[in-house]
PDB file of N, CA and C in Angstrom:
ATOM      1  N   UNK A   1     302.010   7.066 -49.200  1.00  0.00           N
ATOM      2  CA  UNK A   1     302.181   7.769 -47.950  1.00  0.00           C
ATOM      3  C   UNK A   1     303.651   7.795 -47.528  1.00  0.00           C
ATOM      4  N   UNK A   2     304.366   6.705 -47.751  1.00  0.00           N
ATOM      5  CA  UNK A   2     305.772   6.655 -47.373  1.00  0.00           C
ATOM      6  C   UNK A   2     306.603   7.624 -48.209  1.00  0.00           C
ATOM      7  N   UNK A   3     306.162   7.891 -49.420  1.00  0.00           N
ATOM      8  CA  UNK A   3     306.864   8.818 -50.305  1.00  0.00           C
ATOM      9  C   UNK A   3     306.963  10.206 -49.676  1.00  0.00           C
ATOM     10  N   UNK A   4     305.919  10.620 -48.947  1.00  0.00           N
ATOM     11  CA  UNK A   4     305.880  11.936 -48.325  1.00  0.00           C
ATOM     12  C   UNK A   4     306.275  11.908 -46.857  1.00  0.00           C
ATOM     13  N   UNK A   5     306.689  10.755 -46.352  1.00  0.00           N
ATOM     14  CA  UNK A   5     307.118  10.654 -44.959  1.00  0.00           C
ATOM     15  C   UNK A   5     305.972  10.688 -43.966  1.00  0.00           C
ATOM     16  N   UNK A   6     304.796  10.238 -44.380  1.00  0.00           N
ATOM     17  CA  UNK A   6     303.624  10.251 -43.516  1.00  0.00           C
ATOM     18  C   UNK A   6     303.444   8.866 -42.908  1.00  0.00           C
ATOM     19  N   UNK A   7     303.311   8.830 -41.585  1.00  0.00           N
ATOM     20  CA  UNK A   7     303.048   7.571 -40.906  1.00  0.00           C
ATOM     21  C   UNK A   7     301.548   7.405 -40.794  1.00  0.00           C
ATOM     22  N   UNK A   8     301.047   6.298 -41.274  1.00  0.00           N
ATOM     23  CA  UNK A   8     299.612   6.048 -41.286  1.00  0.00           C
ATOM     24  C   UNK A   8     299.207   5.311 -40.014  1.00  0.00           C
ATOM     25  N   UNK A   9     298.227   5.850 -39.291  1.00  0.00           N
ATOM     26  CA  UNK A   9     297.695   5.220 -38.090  1.00  0.00           C
ATOM     27  C   UNK A   9     296.224   4.917 -38.315  1.00  0.00           C
ATOM     28  N   UNK A  10     295.803   3.740 -37.955  1.00  0.00           N
ATOM     29  CA  UNK A  10     294.396   3.384 -38.069  1.00  0.00           C
ATOM     30  C   UNK A  10     293.670   3.777 -36.790  1.00  0.00           C
ATOM     31  N   UNK A  11     292.553   4.434 -36.941  1.00  0.00           N
ATOM     32  CA  UNK A  11     291.699   4.816 -35.826  1.00  0.00           C
ATOM     33  C   UNK A  11     290.327   4.216 -36.064  1.00  0.00           C
ATOM     34  N   UNK A  12     289.631   3.941 -35.001  1.00  0.00           N
ATOM     35  CA  UNK A  12     288.283   3.401 -35.154  1.00  0.00           C
ATOM     36  C   UNK A  12     287.337   4.544 -35.498  1.00  0.00           C
ATOM     37  N   UNK A  13     286.616   4.462 -36.611  1.00  0.00           N
ATOM     38  CA  UNK A  13     285.773   5.568 -37.044  1.00  0.00           C
ATOM     39  C   UNK A  13     284.562   5.810 -36.149  1.00  0.00           C
ATOM     40  N   UNK A  14     284.141   4.794 -35.403  1.00  0.00           N
ATOM     41  CA  UNK A  14     282.963   4.992 -34.567  1.00  0.00           C
ATOM     42  C   UNK A  14     283.324   5.573 -33.201  1.00  0.00           C
ATOM     43  N   UNK A  15     284.620   5.797 -32.917  1.00  0.00           N
ATOM     44  CA  UNK A  15     285.050   6.402 -31.659  1.00  0.00           C
ATOM     45  C   UNK A  15     286.062   7.514 -31.924  1.00  0.00           C
ATOM     46  N   UNK A  16     285.613   8.644 -32.498  1.00  0.00           N
ATOM     47  CA  UNK A  16     286.565   9.712 -32.813  1.00  0.00           C
ATOM     48  C   UNK A  16     287.169  10.347 -31.566  1.00  0.00           C
ATOM     49  N   UNK A  17     286.561  10.149 -30.401  1.00  0.00           N
ATOM     50  CA  UNK A  17     287.107  10.731 -29.184  1.00  0.00           C
ATOM     51  C   UNK A  17     288.395  10.053 -28.747  1.00  0.00           C
ATOM     52  N   UNK A  18     288.759   8.918 -29.340  1.00  0.00           N
ATOM     53  CA  UNK A  18     289.996   8.243 -28.978  1.00  0.00           C
ATOM     54  C   UNK A  18     291.216   8.937 -29.568  1.00  0.00           C
ATOM     55  N   UNK A  19     291.026   9.805 -30.534  1.00  0.00           N
ATOM     56  CA  UNK A  19     292.138  10.528 -31.135  1.00  0.00           C
ATOM     57  C   UNK A  19     292.326  11.858 -30.410  1.00  0.00           C
ATOM     58  N   UNK A  20     293.521  12.100 -29.911  1.00  0.00           N
ATOM     59  CA  UNK A  20     293.808  13.344 -29.216  1.00  0.00           C
ATOM     60  C   UNK A  20     294.028  14.508 -30.154  1.00  0.00           C
ATOM     61  N   UNK A  21     294.115  14.248 -31.460  1.00  0.00           N
ATOM     62  CA  UNK A  21     294.373  15.309 -32.419  1.00  0.00           C
ATOM     63  C   UNK A  21     293.236  16.325 -32.459  1.00  0.00           C
ATOM     64  N   UNK A  22     292.020  15.856 -32.323  1.00  0.00           N
ATOM     65  CA  UNK A  22     290.868  16.762 -32.340  1.00  0.00           C
ATOM     66  C   UNK A  22     290.902  17.669 -31.118  1.00  0.00           C
ATOM     67  N   UNK A  23     291.245  17.114 -29.969  1.00  0.00           N
ATOM     68  CA  UNK A  23     291.313  17.915 -28.742  1.00  0.00           C
ATOM     69  C   UNK A  23     292.389  18.988 -28.845  1.00  0.00           C
ATOM     70  N   UNK A  24     293.533  18.646 -29.408  1.00  0.00           N
ATOM     71  CA  UNK A  24     294.620  19.611 -29.549  1.00  0.00           C
ATOM     72  C   UNK A  24     294.204  20.745 -30.483  1.00  0.00           C
ATOM     73  N   UNK A  25     293.585  20.419 -31.601  1.00  0.00           N
ATOM     74  CA  UNK A  25     293.131  21.449 -32.540  1.00  0.00           C
ATOM     75  C   UNK A  25     292.072  22.345 -31.911  1.00  0.00           C
ATOM     76  N   UNK A  26     291.122  21.742 -31.229  1.00  0.00           N
ATOM     77  CA  UNK A  26     290.066  22.529 -30.590  1.00  0.00           C
ATOM     78  C   UNK A  26     290.624  23.422 -29.489  1.00  0.00           C
ATOM     79  N   UNK A  27     291.614  22.928 -28.748  1.00  0.00           N
ATOM     80  CA  UNK A  27     292.214  23.730 -27.686  1.00  0.00           C
ATOM     81  C   UNK A  27     292.927  24.945 -28.282  1.00  0.00           C
ATOM     82  N   UNK A  28     293.645  24.745 -29.394  1.00  0.00           N
ATOM     83  CA  UNK A  28     294.319  25.865 -30.048  1.00  0.00           C
ATOM     84  C   UNK A  28     293.341  26.899 -30.568  1.00  0.00           C
ATOM     85  N   UNK A  29     292.269  26.441 -31.183  1.00  0.00           N
ATOM     86  CA  UNK A  29     291.249  27.357 -31.686  1.00  0.00           C
ATOM     87  C   UNK A  29     290.568  28.098 -30.539  1.00  0.00           C
ATOM     88  N   UNK A  30     290.333  27.398 -29.445  1.00  0.00           N
ATOM     89  CA  UNK A  30     289.700  28.021 -28.279  1.00  0.00           C
ATOM     90  C   UNK A  30     290.588  29.120 -27.699  1.00  0.00           C
ATOM     91  N   UNK A  31     291.902  28.896 -27.659  1.00  0.00           N
ATOM     92  CA  UNK A  31     292.825  29.918 -27.150  1.00  0.00           C
ATOM     93  C   UNK A  31     292.795  31.168 -28.017  1.00  0.00           C
ATOM     94  N   UNK A  32     292.821  30.973 -29.327  1.00  0.00           N
ATOM     95  CA  UNK A  32     292.777  32.118 -30.241  1.00  0.00           C
ATOM     96  C   UNK A  32     291.481  32.891 -30.046  1.00  0.00           C
ATOM     97  N   UNK A  33     290.374  32.177 -29.932  1.00  0.00           N
ATOM     98  CA  UNK A  33     289.075  32.820 -29.766  1.00  0.00           C
ATOM     99  C   UNK A  33     288.984  33.554 -28.432  1.00  0.00           C
ATOM    100  N   UNK A  34     289.529  32.963 -27.367  1.00  0.00           N
ATOM    101  CA  UNK A  34     289.515  33.628 -26.060  1.00  0.00           C
ATOM    102  C   UNK A  34     290.307  34.928 -26.097  1.00  0.00           C
ATOM    103  N   UNK A  35     291.439  34.925 -26.784  1.00  0.00           N
ATOM    104  CA  UNK A  35     292.253  36.138 -26.875  1.00  0.00           C
ATOM    105  C   UNK A  35     291.577  37.199 -27.732  1.00  0.00           C
ATOM    106  N   UNK A  36     290.881  36.776 -28.768  1.00  0.00           N
ATOM    107  CA  UNK A  36     290.210  37.734 -29.649  1.00  0.00           C
ATOM    108  C   UNK A  36     288.996  38.364 -28.975  1.00  0.00           C
ATOM    109  N   UNK A  37     288.273  37.575 -28.198  1.00  0.00           N
ATOM    110  CA  UNK A  37     287.043  38.058 -27.570  1.00  0.00           C
ATOM    111  C   UNK A  37     287.349  38.905 -26.345  1.00  0.00           C
ATOM    112  N   UNK A  38     288.313  38.495 -25.537  1.00  0.00           N
ATOM    113  CA  UNK A  38     288.633  39.225 -24.317  1.00  0.00           C
ATOM    114  C   UNK A  38     287.577  38.992 -23.255  1.00  0.00           C
ATOM    115  N   UNK A  39     287.205  40.057 -22.569  1.00  0.00           N
ATOM    116  CA  UNK A  39     286.244  39.927 -21.467  1.00  0.00           C
ATOM    117  C   UNK A  39     284.796  39.912 -21.941  1.00  0.00           C
ATOM    118  N   UNK A  40     284.538  40.388 -23.144  1.00  0.00           N
ATOM    119  CA  UNK A  40     283.179  40.447 -23.666  1.00  0.00           C
ATOM    120  C   UNK A  40     282.864  39.135 -24.392  1.00  0.00           C
ATOM    121  N   UNK A  41     282.408  38.137 -23.646  1.00  0.00           N
ATOM    122  CA  UNK A  41     282.159  36.813 -24.216  1.00  0.00           C
ATOM    123  C   UNK A  41     280.936  36.763 -25.124  1.00  0.00           C
ATOM    124  N   UNK A  42     280.140  37.803 -25.132  1.00  0.00           N
ATOM    125  CA  UNK A  42     278.943  37.783 -25.971  1.00  0.00           C
ATOM    126  C   UNK A  42     279.274  37.996 -27.450  1.00  0.00           C
ATOM    127  N   UNK A  43     280.484  38.482 -27.744  1.00  0.00           N
ATOM    128  CA  UNK A  43     280.837  38.764 -29.142  1.00  0.00           C
ATOM    129  C   UNK A  43     281.654  37.643 -29.778  1.00  0.00           C
ATOM    130  N   UNK A  44     281.621  36.448 -29.208  1.00  0.00           N
ATOM    131  CA  UNK A  44     282.448  35.364 -29.742  1.00  0.00           C
ATOM    132  C   UNK A  44     282.049  34.981 -31.164  1.00  0.00           C
ATOM    133  N   UNK A  45     280.768  35.055 -31.485  1.00  0.00           N
ATOM    134  CA  UNK A  45     280.336  34.669 -32.833  1.00  0.00           C
ATOM    135  C   UNK A  45     280.836  35.660 -33.885  1.00  0.00           C
ATOM    136  N   UNK A  46     281.024  36.925 -33.487  1.00  0.00           N
ATOM    137  CA  UNK A  46     281.559  37.923 -34.415  1.00  0.00           C
ATOM    138  C   UNK A  46     283.035  37.680 -34.713  1.00  0.00           C
ATOM    139  N   UNK A  47     283.748  37.135 -33.757  1.00  0.00           N
ATOM    140  CA  UNK A  47     285.193  36.919 -33.892  1.00  0.00           C
ATOM    141  C   UNK A  47     285.546  35.525 -34.405  1.00  0.00           C
ATOM    142  N   UNK A  48     284.559  34.656 -34.585  1.00  0.00           N
ATOM    143  CA  UNK A  48     284.832  33.276 -34.972  1.00  0.00           C
ATOM    144  C   UNK A  48     285.512  33.178 -36.336  1.00  0.00           C
ATOM    145  N   UNK A  49     285.061  33.958 -37.315  1.00  0.00           N
ATOM    146  CA  UNK A  49     285.679  33.919 -38.645  1.00  0.00           C
ATOM    147  C   UNK A  49     287.154  34.318 -38.589  1.00  0.00           C
ATOM    148  N   UNK A  50     287.458  35.360 -37.809  1.00  0.00           N
ATOM    149  CA  UNK A  50     288.852  35.794 -37.683  1.00  0.00           C
ATOM    150  C   UNK A  50     289.698  34.743 -36.976  1.00  0.00           C
ATOM    151  N   UNK A  51     289.135  34.113 -35.953  1.00  0.00           N
ATOM    152  CA  UNK A  51     289.869  33.078 -35.223  1.00  0.00           C
ATOM    153  C   UNK A  51     290.136  31.873 -36.118  1.00  0.00           C
ATOM    154  N   UNK A  52     289.152  31.466 -36.901  1.00  0.00           N
ATOM    155  CA  UNK A  52     289.351  30.345 -37.824  1.00  0.00           C
ATOM    156  C   UNK A  52     290.387  30.682 -38.888  1.00  0.00           C
ATOM    157  N   UNK A  53     290.357  31.907 -39.402  1.00  0.00           N
ATOM    158  CA  UNK A  53     291.349  32.317 -40.388  1.00  0.00           C
ATOM    159  C   UNK A  53     292.750  32.270 -39.785  1.00  0.00           C
ATOM    160  N   UNK A  54     292.898  32.795 -38.558  1.00  0.00           N
ATOM    161  CA  UNK A  54     294.205  32.778 -37.897  1.00  0.00           C
ATOM    162  C   UNK A  54     294.678  31.351 -37.659  1.00  0.00           C
ATOM    163  N   UNK A  55     293.775  30.487 -37.246  1.00  0.00           N
ATOM    164  CA  UNK A  55     294.138  29.093 -36.972  1.00  0.00           C
ATOM    165  C   UNK A  55     294.557  28.369 -38.247  1.00  0.00           C
ATOM    166  N   UNK A  56     293.839  28.608 -39.332  1.00  0.00           N
ATOM    167  CA  UNK A  56     294.104  27.887 -40.583  1.00  0.00           C
ATOM    168  C   UNK A  56     295.331  28.392 -41.327  1.00  0.00           C
ATOM    169  N   UNK A  57     295.746  29.630 -41.069  1.00  0.00           N
ATOM    170  CA  UNK A  57     296.873  30.198 -41.810  1.00  0.00           C
ATOM    171  C   UNK A  57     298.140  30.307 -40.977  1.00  0.00           C
ATOM    172  N   UNK A  58     298.160  29.730 -39.779  1.00  0.00           N
ATOM    173  CA  UNK A  58     299.340  29.740 -38.921  1.00  0.00           C
ATOM    174  C   UNK A  58     300.179  28.500 -39.190  1.00  0.00           C
ATOM    175  N   UNK A  59     301.487  28.694 -39.319  1.00  0.00           N
ATOM    176  CA  UNK A  59     302.409  27.594 -39.597  1.00  0.00           C
ATOM    177  C   UNK A  59     302.410  26.601 -38.437  1.00  0.00           C
ATOM    178  N   UNK A  60     302.311  25.324 -38.754  1.00  0.00           N
ATOM    179  CA  UNK A  60     302.341  24.249 -37.757  1.00  0.00           C
ATOM    180  C   UNK A  60     303.613  23.432 -37.955  1.00  0.00           C
ATOM    181  N   UNK A  61     304.431  23.340 -36.930  1.00  0.00           N
ATOM    182  CA  UNK A  61     305.693  22.608 -37.017  1.00  0.00           C
ATOM    183  C   UNK A  61     305.501  21.119 -37.281  1.00  0.00           C
ATOM    184  N   UNK A  62     304.568  20.426 -36.607  1.00  0.00           N
ATOM    185  CA  UNK A  62     304.448  18.977 -36.845  1.00  0.00           C
ATOM    186  C   UNK A  62     304.121  18.602 -38.291  1.00  0.00           C
ATOM    187  N   UNK A  63     303.333  19.432 -38.975  1.00  0.00           N
ATOM    188  CA  UNK A  63     302.996  19.110 -40.366  1.00  0.00           C
ATOM    189  C   UNK A  63     303.884  19.854 -41.351  1.00  0.00           C
ATOM    190  N   UNK A  64     304.658  20.815 -40.868  1.00  0.00           N
ATOM    191  CA  UNK A  64     305.607  21.525 -41.717  1.00  0.00           C
ATOM    192  C   UNK A  64     305.002  22.551 -42.644  1.00  0.00           C
ATOM    193  N   UNK A  65     303.761  22.939 -42.418  1.00  0.00           N
ATOM    194  CA  UNK A  65     303.114  23.960 -43.242  1.00  0.00           C
ATOM    195  C   UNK A  65     301.863  24.441 -42.504  1.00  0.00           C
ATOM    196  N   UNK A  66     301.090  25.275 -43.171  1.00  0.00           N
ATOM    197  CA  UNK A  66     299.829  25.718 -42.581  1.00  0.00           C
ATOM    198  C   UNK A  66     298.743  24.707 -42.925  1.00  0.00           C
ATOM    199  N   UNK A  67     297.698  24.607 -42.099  1.00  0.00           N
ATOM    200  CA  UNK A  67     296.587  23.728 -42.461  1.00  0.00           C
ATOM    201  C   UNK A  67     295.956  24.113 -43.798  1.00  0.00           C
ATOM    202  N   UNK A  68     295.929  25.394 -44.117  1.00  0.00           N
ATOM    203  CA  UNK A  68     295.387  25.853 -45.397  1.00  0.00           C
ATOM    204  C   UNK A  68     296.183  25.262 -46.554  1.00  0.00           C
ATOM    205  N   UNK A  69     297.512  25.320 -46.450  1.00  0.00           N
ATOM    206  CA  UNK A  69     298.356  24.781 -47.519  1.00  0.00           C
ATOM    207  C   UNK A  69     298.223  23.268 -47.611  1.00  0.00           C
ATOM    208  N   UNK A  70     298.046  22.610 -46.481  1.00  0.00           N
ATOM    209  CA  UNK A  70     297.881  21.161 -46.483  1.00  0.00           C
ATOM    210  C   UNK A  70     296.619  20.754 -47.240  1.00  0.00           C
ATOM    211  N   UNK A  71     295.545  21.519 -47.063  1.00  0.00           N
ATOM    212  CA  UNK A  71     294.270  21.193 -47.712  1.00  0.00           C
ATOM    213  C   UNK A  71     294.254  21.631 -49.176  1.00  0.00           C
ATOM    214  N   UNK A  72     294.680  22.872 -49.444  1.00  0.00           N
ATOM    215  CA  UNK A  72     294.533  23.432 -50.788  1.00  0.00           C
ATOM    216  C   UNK A  72     295.798  23.358 -51.644  1.00  0.00           C
ATOM    217  N   UNK A  73     296.935  23.022 -51.053  1.00  0.00           N
ATOM    218  CA  UNK A  73     298.169  22.871 -51.812  1.00  0.00           C
ATOM    219  C   UNK A  73     298.842  24.163 -52.217  1.00  0.00           C
ATOM    220  N   UNK A  74     298.414  25.289 -51.658  1.00  0.00           N
ATOM    221  CA  UNK A  74     299.047  26.572 -51.962  1.00  0.00           C
ATOM    222  C   UNK A  74     298.964  27.463 -50.731  1.00  0.00           C
ATOM    223  N   UNK A  75     299.837  28.448 -50.686  1.00  0.00           N
ATOM    224  CA  UNK A  75     299.846  29.371 -49.555  1.00  0.00           C
ATOM    225  C   UNK A  75     298.671  30.334 -49.664  1.00  0.00           C
ATOM    226  N   UNK A  76     298.198  30.807 -48.524  1.00  0.00           N
ATOM    227  CA  UNK A  76     297.097  31.760 -48.499  1.00  0.00           C
ATOM    228  C   UNK A  76     297.644  33.160 -48.740  1.00  0.00           C
ATOM    229  N   UNK A  77     296.996  33.910 -49.597  1.00  0.00           N
ATOM    230  CA  UNK A  77     297.377  35.294 -49.850  1.00  0.00           C
ATOM    231  C   UNK A  77     296.189  36.183 -49.528  1.00  0.00           C
ATOM    232  N   UNK A  78     296.488  37.257 -48.812  1.00  0.00           N
ATOM    233  CA  UNK A  78     295.443  38.226 -48.513  1.00  0.00           C
ATOM    234  C   UNK A  78     295.002  38.921 -49.794  1.00  0.00           C
ATOM    235  N   UNK A  79     293.767  39.393 -49.841  1.00  0.00           N
ATOM    236  CA  UNK A  79     293.371  40.230 -50.977  1.00  0.00           C
ATOM    237  C   UNK A  79     294.298  41.443 -51.072  1.00  0.00           C
ATOM    238  N   UNK A  80     294.482  41.969 -52.257  1.00  0.00           N
ATOM    239  CA  UNK A  80     295.462  43.028 -52.500  1.00  0.00           C
ATOM    240  C   UNK A  80     295.230  44.233 -51.597  1.00  0.00           C
ATOM    241  N   UNK A  81     293.977  44.635 -51.415  1.00  0.00           N
ATOM    242  CA  UNK A  81     293.731  45.827 -50.601  1.00  0.00           C
ATOM    243  C   UNK A  81     294.126  45.603 -49.138  1.00  0.00           C
ATOM    244  N   UNK A  82     293.988  44.383 -48.623  1.00  0.00           N
ATOM    245  CA  UNK A  82     294.415  44.106 -47.252  1.00  0.00           C
ATOM    246  C   UNK A  82     295.933  44.037 -47.149  1.00  0.00           C
ATOM    247  N   UNK A  83     296.600  43.463 -48.169  1.00  0.00           N
ATOM    248  CA  UNK A  83     298.059  43.454 -48.174  1.00  0.00           C
ATOM    249  C   UNK A  83     298.586  44.883 -48.216  1.00  0.00           C
ATOM    250  N   UNK A  84     297.932  45.738 -48.996  1.00  0.00           N
ATOM    251  CA  UNK A  84     298.337  47.134 -49.112  1.00  0.00           C
ATOM    252  C   UNK A  84     298.185  47.841 -47.766  1.00  0.00           C
ATOM    253  N   UNK A  85     297.065  47.614 -47.073  1.00  0.00           N
ATOM    254  CA  UNK A  85     296.848  48.225 -45.762  1.00  0.00           C
ATOM    255  C   UNK A  85     297.882  47.731 -44.758  1.00  0.00           C
ATOM    256  N   UNK A  86     298.204  46.435 -44.797  1.00  0.00           N
ATOM    257  CA  UNK A  86     299.198  45.889 -43.876  1.00  0.00           C
ATOM    258  C   UNK A  86     300.566  46.507 -44.144  1.00  0.00           C
ATOM    259  N   UNK A  87     300.910  46.697 -45.412  1.00  0.00           N
ATOM    260  CA  UNK A  87     302.188  47.313 -45.770  1.00  0.00           C
ATOM    261  C   UNK A  87     302.271  48.736 -45.223  1.00  0.00           C
ATOM    262  N   UNK A  88     301.218  49.512 -45.417  1.00  0.00           N
ATOM    263  CA  UNK A  88     301.242  50.895 -44.954  1.00  0.00           C
ATOM    264  C   UNK A  88     301.189  50.988 -43.438  1.00  0.00           C
ATOM    265  N   UNK A  89     300.544  50.030 -42.790  1.00  0.00           N
ATOM    266  CA  UNK A  89     300.539  50.021 -41.325  1.00  0.00           C
ATOM    267  C   UNK A  89     301.947  49.776 -40.796  1.00  0.00           C
ATOM    268  N   UNK A  90     302.679  48.862 -41.418  1.00  0.00           N
ATOM    269  CA  UNK A  90     304.069  48.619 -41.016  1.00  0.00           C
ATOM    270  C   UNK A  90     304.943  49.834 -41.300  1.00  0.00           C
ATOM    271  N   UNK A  91     304.740  50.437 -42.456  1.00  0.00           N
ATOM    272  CA  UNK A  91     305.537  51.605 -42.814  1.00  0.00           C
ATOM    273  C   UNK A  91     305.241  52.766 -41.866  1.00  0.00           C
ATOM    274  N   UNK A  92     303.993  52.929 -41.497  1.00  0.00           N
ATOM    275  CA  UNK A  92     303.604  53.996 -40.580  1.00  0.00           C
ATOM    276  C   UNK A  92     304.211  53.779 -39.192  1.00  0.00           C
ATOM    277  N   UNK A  93     304.350  52.520 -38.792  1.00  0.00           N
ATOM    278  CA  UNK A  93     304.917  52.208 -37.479  1.00  0.00           C
ATOM    279  C   UNK A  93     306.446  52.219 -37.510  1.00  0.00           C
ATOM    280  N   UNK A  94     307.037  52.626 -38.634  1.00  0.00           N
ATOM    281  CA  UNK A  94     308.487  52.726 -38.807  1.00  0.00           C
ATOM    282  C   UNK A  94     309.198  51.390 -38.681  1.00  0.00           C
ATOM    283  N   UNK A  95     308.590  50.334 -39.171  1.00  0.00           N
ATOM    284  CA  UNK A  95     309.256  49.034 -39.202  1.00  0.00           C
ATOM    285  C   UNK A  95     310.110  48.959 -40.460  1.00  0.00           C
ATOM    286  N   UNK A  96     311.240  48.313 -40.343  1.00  0.00           N
ATOM    287  CA  UNK A  96     312.071  48.049 -41.512  1.00  0.00           C
ATOM    288  C   UNK A  96     311.580  46.752 -42.125  1.00  0.00           C
ATOM    289  N   UNK A  97     311.020  46.808 -43.328  1.00  0.00           N
ATOM    290  CA  UNK A  97     310.426  45.634 -43.950  1.00  0.00           C
ATOM    291  C   UNK A  97     311.454  44.560 -44.272  1.00  0.00           C
ATOM    292  N   UNK A  98     312.707  44.932 -44.462  1.00  0.00           N
ATOM    293  CA  UNK A  98     313.730  43.930 -44.757  1.00  0.00           C
ATOM    294  C   UNK A  98     314.089  43.101 -43.534  1.00  0.00           C
ATOM    295  N   UNK A  99     313.954  43.662 -42.342  1.00  0.00           N
ATOM    296  CA  UNK A  99     314.276  42.913 -41.120  1.00  0.00           C
ATOM    297  C   UNK A  99     313.051  42.278 -40.503  1.00  0.00           C
ATOM    298  N   UNK A 100     311.859  42.662 -40.942  1.00  0.00           N
ATOM    299  CA  UNK A 100     310.628  42.115 -40.357  1.00  0.00           C
ATOM    300  C   UNK A 100     310.360  40.725 -40.853  1.00  0.00           C
TER     301      UNK A 100
END
C-alpha cells in the first residue's frame, strides 16, 4: 500500500455508517440523478443507468483517476458508434476539437 501512496485506515466492518465515504459517494450520485430526472421524479429508474455511468467515469481528484479505472485498471471507452456520434455532434456545433 505504501508503494502506491495509499494510507490504510481500519474501519469496523459491523458499523459501515461510521465511514463518511459512503455518504459522500451517495450524495454525488444523488445530485447527478436529480439533475438527470428534473421535475419528473417518476422517471428516476430510467435515468439510473446513465447516472451511474456518469458517476463511474468522472475523474475524481482525491483518487487521481475515475472510479472505473480504479476498479478495472483501464480507461473507459465509449463504443465506436457512440464516439462517432459525439464527434459529429461537436463538429455540427462548430467546436474546434483541438481546443476542446
